[in-house]
Amino acid sequence: MYTHVINGDPSSLAASSVVSANSLFDKRVPICLRGVGYTGEKVEELPVRILLCADQEGQNKVLCVQVTSESDPFFLHYMEVSEEGFQALKVEQSILVTFAQFPENLIALLEECIGGRGQERPKFLAVLRLGDVGDLEGSRLGIVETNEFKHLSHISLSLKPGNDAIIKQFLAGRLMDLQCERDHLIRSSNEMSSKLGVALRELETSAKDLLRQKSLSSKAEETTQAKLDELSANLKLASLKELESTKKKLEGEHHTAQVGMRSMIESLKVRNAELDKQVHELMDNKHKLDSQLSDVSSRACSTEKELRASREEVARLQKINDELNKVRLLNFNSSILDE
């Protein structure tokens, strides 16, 4: 973004050739004010602008640093340094970077100061020592880093306090900036109004389409609901008919099953009675057979005893018979010998 800048010393390049600049930095920075009109150390949030200016041919560049105050429109301290003038600043401040790199490093230091906003003892602090308008030394903007050992000054830039003409020119430039910004905002507003009008028309069209769709949807919903109600009624009637038919069928089957079950129960009762009778008869037969078996067993035992005694008697008689046979044989042999 390009913006109008103030002119400096009429004999400088910035005064005679610079017409526009590229804004590199434009933020409120906590700055400690010291010098004329300030007792102690007062830290204020002051706008700091860094601009890279160019002449009409775009060959010579000038770095501009401006410190202003939102509460005091006549508060202006500025510095303009060209590429040639930067060499003297580089030697004076022991700067190691080039003119092209210097703005980036200066902005980094200012960002460190912003990062310490609200701290009781910030590590980085911007200090502006103010001088009178007629003071040859002018003002100095320094950035100091505080460590455990000492306060270390990274850079100290010599600024010029703005006189009436410079301040008027600066305010005129800022006014032109605001006018340009206002014109830009007006154009943006007109574009947005145009887009808003188109959007409103599209919204109205969409709203009408939505109403139409809602109406169609409502009608379709009513038709669908009517069909659903009719279908539900038909299904309900069919279900009731089927339920009644099923109920009758089940009642008939239940009655038939009951009759069949009663008949089966009667048959089972008769069969059960017959089986009970058979069981009683069998039990009686079993008792009789048990009694007979007991008698037979008793007889068998007696017979077995008699058989055992008979066998013993037979054995005894056989023994006697054998002895008699031996005697007879001896007698027979004796008779033969006697003859």
Protein backbone atom coordinates (compact mmCIF):
# COMPACT_ATOMS: atom_id res chain seq x y z
CA MET A 1 0.00 0.00 0.00
CA TYR A 2 1.39 3.42 -0.93
CA THR A 3 0.81 6.53 1.17
CA HIS A 4 1.77 10.18 1.14
CA VAL A 5 4.78 11.13 3.28
CA ILE A 6 6.14 14.33 4.71
CA ASN A 7 8.97 16.23 3.11
CA GLY A 8 12.06 16.83 5.15
CA ASP A 9 14.90 19.26 4.70
CA PRO A 10 14.51 21.09 1.38
CA SER A 11 18.12 20.28 0.53
CA SER A 12 17.63 16.53 1.02
CA LEU A 13 16.62 13.94 -1.53
CA ALA A 14 13.46 13.20 0.42
CA ALA A 15 12.33 16.77 0.21
CA SER A 16 12.82 17.20 -3.49
CA SER A 17 11.99 13.83 -5.00
CA VAL A 18 10.01 11.56 -2.67
CA VAL A 19 6.34 11.43 -3.57
CA SER A 20 5.12 8.02 -2.29
CA ALA A 21 6.19 5.19 -0.05
CA ASN A 22 5.51 1.59 0.84
CA SER A 23 4.32 1.22 4.44
CA LEU A 24 6.39 -1.48 6.18
CA PHE A 25 5.23 -0.97 9.78
CA ASP A 26 2.39 0.95 11.40
CA LYS A 27 1.65 -0.07 15.00
CA ARG A 28 1.34 1.38 18.50
CA VAL A 29 4.57 0.77 20.44
CA PRO A 30 5.17 1.25 24.20
CA ILE A 31 7.74 4.09 24.32
CA CYS A 32 9.38 5.62 27.37
CA LEU A 33 9.40 9.42 26.99
CA ARG A 34 12.27 11.42 28.45
CA GLY A 35 13.50 14.97 28.06
CA VAL A 36 11.88 18.38 27.93
CA GLY A 37 8.45 18.48 29.60
CA TYR A 38 8.73 14.97 31.02
CA THR A 39 9.78 14.18 34.58
CA GLY A 40 10.76 10.64 35.47
CA GLU A 41 10.02 7.90 32.97
CA LYS A 42 6.60 7.90 31.32
CA VAL A 43 5.65 5.03 29.03
CA GLU A 44 3.03 5.80 26.39
CA GLU A 45 1.59 3.86 23.47
CA LEU A 46 2.72 5.89 20.45
CA PRO A 47 2.08 5.09 16.78
CA VAL A 48 5.31 4.28 14.92
CA ARG A 49 5.36 4.20 11.13
CA ILE A 50 8.20 2.90 8.97
CA LEU A 51 7.98 3.67 5.26
CA LEU A 52 10.27 2.86 2.36
CA CYS A 53 10.11 5.87 0.06
CA ALA A 54 11.11 6.17 -3.57
CA ASP A 55 11.66 9.05 -5.95
CA GLN A 56 9.76 9.52 -9.17
CA GLU A 57 12.26 7.43 -11.15
CA GLY A 58 12.23 4.70 -8.48
CA GLN A 59 16.03 4.59 -8.37
CA ASN A 60 16.82 6.31 -5.04
CA LYS A 61 15.15 4.97 -1.91
CA VAL A 62 14.66 6.68 1.43
CA LEU A 63 13.72 5.03 4.73
CA CYS A 64 11.31 7.14 6.80
CA VAL A 65 10.58 6.60 10.51
CA GLN A 66 7.74 8.61 12.10
CA VAL A 67 6.66 8.74 15.75
CA THR A 68 3.33 10.47 16.44
CA SER A 69 0.74 10.67 19.20
CA GLU A 70 -2.97 9.93 18.98
CA SER A 71 -3.69 12.38 21.80
CA ASP A 72 -1.56 15.23 20.39
CA PRO A 73 -1.90 15.86 16.62
CA PHE A 74 1.12 18.24 16.71
CA PHE A 75 3.44 15.59 18.17
CA LEU A 76 5.71 14.48 15.32
CA HIS A 77 9.29 13.22 15.34
CA TYR A 78 10.69 11.75 12.17
CA MET A 79 13.81 10.53 10.46
CA GLU A 80 14.62 10.17 6.76
CA VAL A 81 17.73 8.32 5.68
CA SER A 82 18.70 7.55 2.10
CA GLU A 83 20.85 4.66 0.90
CA GLU A 84 23.87 6.98 0.84
CA GLY A 85 23.09 8.46 4.27
CA PHE A 86 22.66 4.94 5.69
CA GLN A 87 26.36 4.30 5.27
CA ALA A 88 27.16 7.03 7.85
CA LEU A 89 24.44 5.63 10.16
CA LYS A 90 25.86 2.14 9.69
CA VAL A 91 29.32 3.27 10.79
CA GLU A 92 27.96 5.38 13.67
CA GLN A 93 25.74 2.61 15.11
CA SER A 94 28.03 -0.36 14.17
CA ILE A 95 25.24 -1.86 12.06
CA LEU A 96 26.11 -5.09 10.25
CA VAL A 97 23.13 -5.38 7.88
CA THR A 98 22.54 -3.67 4.54
CA PHE A 99 20.10 -0.86 3.81
CA ALA A 100 17.60 -3.41 2.41
CA GLN A 101 17.87 -5.56 5.55
CA PHE A 102 17.81 -2.68 8.05
CA PRO A 103 13.99 -2.11 8.10
CA GLU A 104 13.33 -5.80 8.78
CA ASN A 105 15.71 -5.84 11.75
CA LEU A 106 14.37 -2.53 13.10
CA ILE A 107 10.81 -3.88 12.90
CA ALA A 108 11.90 -7.05 14.74
CA LEU A 109 13.22 -4.90 17.61
CA LEU A 110 9.97 -2.91 17.73
CA GLU A 111 7.98 -6.15 17.81
CA GLU A 112 10.07 -7.23 20.82
CA CYS A 113 9.08 -3.96 22.51
CA ILE A 114 5.42 -4.63 21.71
CA GLY A 115 5.80 -8.14 23.13
CA GLY A 116 6.81 -6.65 26.49
CA ARG A 117 3.67 -4.51 26.71
CA GLY A 118 2.21 -4.44 30.22
CA GLN A 119 5.29 -5.95 31.86
CA GLU A 120 6.77 -4.19 34.86
CA ARG A 121 10.32 -4.69 33.62
CA PRO A 122 10.20 -5.49 29.91
CA LYS A 123 13.28 -7.01 28.33
CA PHE A 124 13.09 -4.64 25.34
CA LEU A 125 12.04 -1.01 25.75
CA ALA A 126 11.85 1.82 23.22
CA VAL A 127 13.10 5.15 24.62
CA LEU A 128 12.43 8.53 23.00
CA ARG A 129 14.56 11.42 24.26
CA LEU A 130 12.80 14.61 23.20
CA GLY A 131 14.45 17.86 22.16
CA ASP A 132 13.12 21.31 21.26
CA VAL A 133 12.20 22.27 17.75
CA GLY A 134 15.26 24.48 17.49
CA ASP A 135 17.56 21.97 19.18
CA LEU A 136 20.33 20.93 16.79
CA GLU A 137 20.56 17.43 18.28
CA GLY A 138 16.80 16.97 17.95
CA SER A 139 15.32 13.80 19.45
CA ARG A 140 16.70 10.27 19.67
CA LEU A 141 14.76 7.02 19.46
CA GLY A 142 16.60 4.12 21.02
CA ILE A 143 15.80 0.49 21.72
CA VAL A 144 17.32 -0.85 24.92
CA GLU A 145 17.58 -4.46 26.02
CA THR A 146 17.81 -5.08 29.76
CA ASN A 147 19.69 -8.14 31.01
CA GLU A 148 21.04 -9.14 34.40
CA PHE A 149 24.28 -7.24 33.80
CA LYS A 150 23.41 -3.95 32.09
CA HIS A 151 21.19 -1.97 29.76
CA LEU A 152 22.26 -2.80 26.21
CA SER A 153 21.41 -0.22 23.53
CA HIS A 154 20.76 -1.91 20.18
CA ILE A 155 20.23 1.28 18.17
CA SER A 156 19.79 5.03 18.64
CA LEU A 157 18.21 6.95 15.76
CA SER A 158 18.35 10.71 15.49
CA LEU A 159 14.86 12.12 14.88
CA LYS A 160 13.78 15.62 13.98
CA PRO A 161 10.84 17.25 15.78
CA GLY A 162 8.33 18.51 13.25
CA ASN A 163 7.90 22.26 12.84
CA ASP A 164 4.63 23.92 11.85
CA ALA A 165 5.18 23.49 8.12
CA ILE A 166 6.24 19.85 8.46
CA ILE A 167 3.36 19.07 10.82
CA LYS A 168 0.86 20.75 8.49
CA GLN A 169 2.30 18.83 5.56
CA PHE A 170 2.22 15.61 7.59
CA LEU A 171 -1.37 16.18 8.69
CA ALA A 172 -2.29 17.04 5.11
CA GLY A 173 -0.69 13.77 3.99
CA ARG A 174 -2.54 11.87 6.71
CA LEU A 175 -5.73 13.63 5.67
CA MET A 176 -5.09 12.51 2.10
CA ASP A 177 -4.47 9.00 3.43
CA LEU A 178 -7.78 9.11 5.28
CA GLN A 179 -9.50 10.48 2.20
CA CYS A 180 -7.98 7.73 0.09
CA GLU A 181 -9.00 5.21 2.71
CA ARG A 182 -12.44 6.78 2.88
CA ASP A 183 -12.74 6.64 -0.92
CA HIS A 184 -11.60 3.03 -0.81
CA LEU A 185 -14.14 2.27 1.92
CA ILE A 186 -16.84 4.10 -0.07
CA ARG A 187 -16.00 2.07 -3.16
CA SER A 188 -15.94 -1.07 -1.06
CA SER A 189 -19.23 -0.01 0.53
CA ASN A 190 -20.77 0.64 -2.90
CA GLU A 191 -19.52 -2.71 -4.13
CA MET A 192 -20.83 -4.37 -1.01
CA SER A 193 -24.13 -2.49 -1.38
CA SER A 194 -24.35 -3.68 -4.97
CA LYS A 195 -23.51 -7.22 -3.93
CA LEU A 196 -25.93 -6.88 -1.03
CA GLY A 197 -28.65 -5.70 -3.42
CA VAL A 198 -27.99 -8.67 -5.68
CA ALA A 199 -27.92 -10.92 -2.64
CA LEU A 200 -31.19 -9.41 -1.37
CA ARG A 201 -32.82 -9.93 -4.75
CA GLU A 202 -31.51 -13.49 -4.81
CA LEU A 203 -32.74 -13.87 -1.24
CA GLU A 204 -36.19 -12.58 -2.21
CA THR A 205 -36.23 -14.96 -5.17
CA SER A 206 -35.06 -17.77 -2.94
CA ALA A 207 -37.69 -16.82 -0.34
CA LYS A 208 -40.40 -16.90 -3.02
CA ASP A 209 -39.08 -20.23 -4.28
CA LEU A 210 -38.99 -21.45 -0.71
CA LEU A 211 -42.59 -20.38 -0.12
CA ARG A 212 -43.63 -22.04 -3.37
CA GLN A 213 -41.71 -25.17 -2.45
CA LYS A 214 -43.24 -25.07 1.03
CA SER A 215 -46.71 -24.76 -0.52
CA LEU A 216 -46.02 -27.62 -2.92
CA SER A 217 -44.49 -29.62 -0.11
CA SER A 218 -47.49 -28.92 2.10
CA LYS A 219 -49.89 -30.03 -0.63
CA ALA A 220 -47.79 -33.08 -1.35
CA GLU A 221 -47.64 -33.81 2.35
CA GLU A 222 -51.42 -33.48 2.65
CA THR A 223 -51.94 -35.77 -0.36
CA THR A 224 -49.43 -38.25 0.99
CA GLN A 225 -51.05 -38.10 4.43
CA ALA A 226 -54.48 -38.71 2.91
CA LYS A 227 -53.12 -41.69 0.99
CA LEU A 228 -51.42 -42.95 4.11
CA ASP A 229 -54.63 -42.54 6.12
CA GLU A 230 -56.59 -44.42 3.44
CA LEU A 231 -53.94 -47.12 3.23
CA SER A 232 -53.84 -47.35 7.02
CA ALA A 233 -57.62 -47.69 7.17
CA ASN A 234 -57.60 -50.39 4.46
CA LEU A 235 -54.79 -52.23 6.20
CA LYS A 236 -56.59 -51.95 9.52
CA LEU A 237 -59.83 -53.28 7.98
CA ALA A 238 -57.97 -56.10 6.25
CA SER A 239 -56.15 -56.89 9.47
CA LEU A 240 -59.41 -56.97 11.42
CA LYS A 241 -60.98 -59.30 8.84
CA GLU A 242 -57.94 -61.56 8.85
CA LEU A 243 -57.89 -61.48 12.65
CA GLU A 244 -61.59 -62.42 12.82
CA SER A 245 -61.08 -65.23 10.29
CA THR A 246 -58.03 -66.49 12.17
CA LYS A 247 -59.93 -66.27 15.47
CA LYS A 248 -62.81 -68.35 14.08
CA LYS A 249 -60.40 -70.85 12.57
CA LEU A 250 -58.48 -71.16 15.82
CA GLU A 251 -61.68 -71.49 17.83
CA GLY A 252 -62.85 -74.31 15.51
CA GLU A 253 -59.47 -76.01 15.73
CA HIS A 254 -59.54 -75.55 19.51
CA HIS A 255 -63.02 -77.10 19.78
CA THR A 256 -61.99 -80.01 17.53
CA ALA A 257 -58.83 -80.47 19.57
CA GLN A 258 -60.84 -80.40 22.81
CA VAL A 259 -63.26 -83.04 21.50
CA GLY A 260 -60.36 -85.15 20.28
CA MET A 261 -58.57 -84.73 23.58
CA ARG A 262 -61.69 -85.69 25.57
CA SER A 263 -62.13 -88.81 23.41
CA MET A 264 -58.46 -89.64 23.77
CA ILE A 265 -58.65 -89.10 27.53
CA GLU A 266 -61.68 -91.44 27.79
CA SER A 267 -59.89 -94.05 25.71
CA LEU A 268 -56.80 -93.68 27.88
CA LYS A 269 -58.89 -93.98 31.02
CA VAL A 270 -60.50 -97.24 29.72
CA ARG A 271 -57.10 -98.54 28.64
CA ASN A 272 -55.66 -97.53 31.99
CA ALA A 273 -58.41 -99.40 33.82
CA GLU A 274 -57.76 -102.48 31.68
CA LEU A 275 -54.06 -102.22 32.34
CA ASP A 276 -54.70 -101.82 36.08
CA LYS A 277 -56.82 -104.97 35.98
CA GLN A 278 -54.11 -106.82 34.09
CA VAL A 279 -51.56 -105.60 36.60
CA HIS A 280 -53.67 -106.88 39.49
CA GLU A 281 -54.08 -110.24 37.75
CA LEU A 282 -50.38 -110.43 37.03
CA MET A 283 -49.60 -109.52 40.63
CA ASP A 284 -51.91 -112.29 41.82
CA ASN A 285 -50.28 -114.73 39.41
CA LYS A 286 -46.89 -113.53 40.59
CA HIS A 287 -47.87 -114.20 44.21
CA LYS A 288 -49.15 -117.65 43.29
CA LEU A 289 -46.04 -118.42 41.30
CA ASP A 290 -43.88 -117.15 44.14
CA SER A 291 -45.74 -119.47 46.52
CA GLN A 292 -45.39 -122.39 44.10
CA LEU A 293 -41.74 -121.54 43.58
CA SER A 294 -41.25 -121.57 47.34
CA ASP A 295 -42.93 -124.98 47.58
CA VAL A 296 -40.91 -126.34 44.67
CA SER A 297 -37.73 -124.92 46.15
CA SER A 298 -38.55 -126.57 49.48
CA ARG A 299 -39.31 -129.87 47.75
CA ALA A 300 -36.17 -129.56 45.68
CA CYS A 301 -34.13 -129.08 48.83
CA SER A 302 -35.77 -132.15 50.42
CA THR A 303 -35.29 -134.19 47.26
CA GLU A 304 -31.68 -133.06 47.03
CA LYS A 305 -31.14 -134.20 50.64
CA GLU A 306 -32.84 -137.53 49.90
CA LEU A 307 -30.77 -137.87 46.72
CA ARG A 308 -27.61 -137.18 48.64
CA ALA A 309 -28.59 -139.78 51.27
CA SER A 310 -29.52 -142.29 48.54
CA ARG A 311 -26.18 -141.75 46.83
CA GLU A 312 -24.42 -142.29 50.11
CA GLU A 313 -26.48 -145.45 50.66
CA VAL A 314 -25.73 -146.66 47.11
CA ALA A 315 -22.07 -146.03 47.66
CA ARG A 316 -22.19 -147.92 50.95
CA LEU A 317 -24.07 -150.81 49.33
CA GLN A 318 -21.64 -150.86 46.39
CA LYS A 319 -18.78 -151.05 48.86
CA ILE A 320 -20.49 -153.89 50.66
CA ASN A 321 -21.20 -155.57 47.32
CA ASP A 322 -17.57 -155.23 46.32
CA GLU A 323 -16.48 -156.81 49.59
CA LEU A 324 -18.99 -159.64 49.09
CA ASN A 325 -17.77 -160.14 45.53
CA LYS A 326 -14.23 -160.42 46.83
CA VAL A 327 -15.32 -162.93 49.45
CA ARG A 328 -17.20 -164.96 46.85
CA LEU A 329 -14.21 -164.90 44.58
CA LEU A 330 -11.95 -166.07 47.33
CA ASN A 331 -14.39 -168.84 48.21
CA PHE A 332 -14.69 -169.87 44.54
CA ASN A 333 -10.96 -169.98 44.16
CA SER A 334 -10.64 -172.00 47.35
CA SER A 335 -13.22 -174.56 46.15
CA ILE A 336 -11.41 -174.96 42.87
CA LEU A 337 -8.16 -175.54 44.67
CA ASP A 338 -9.80 -178.09 46.96
CA GLU A 339 -11.02 -180.09 44.07
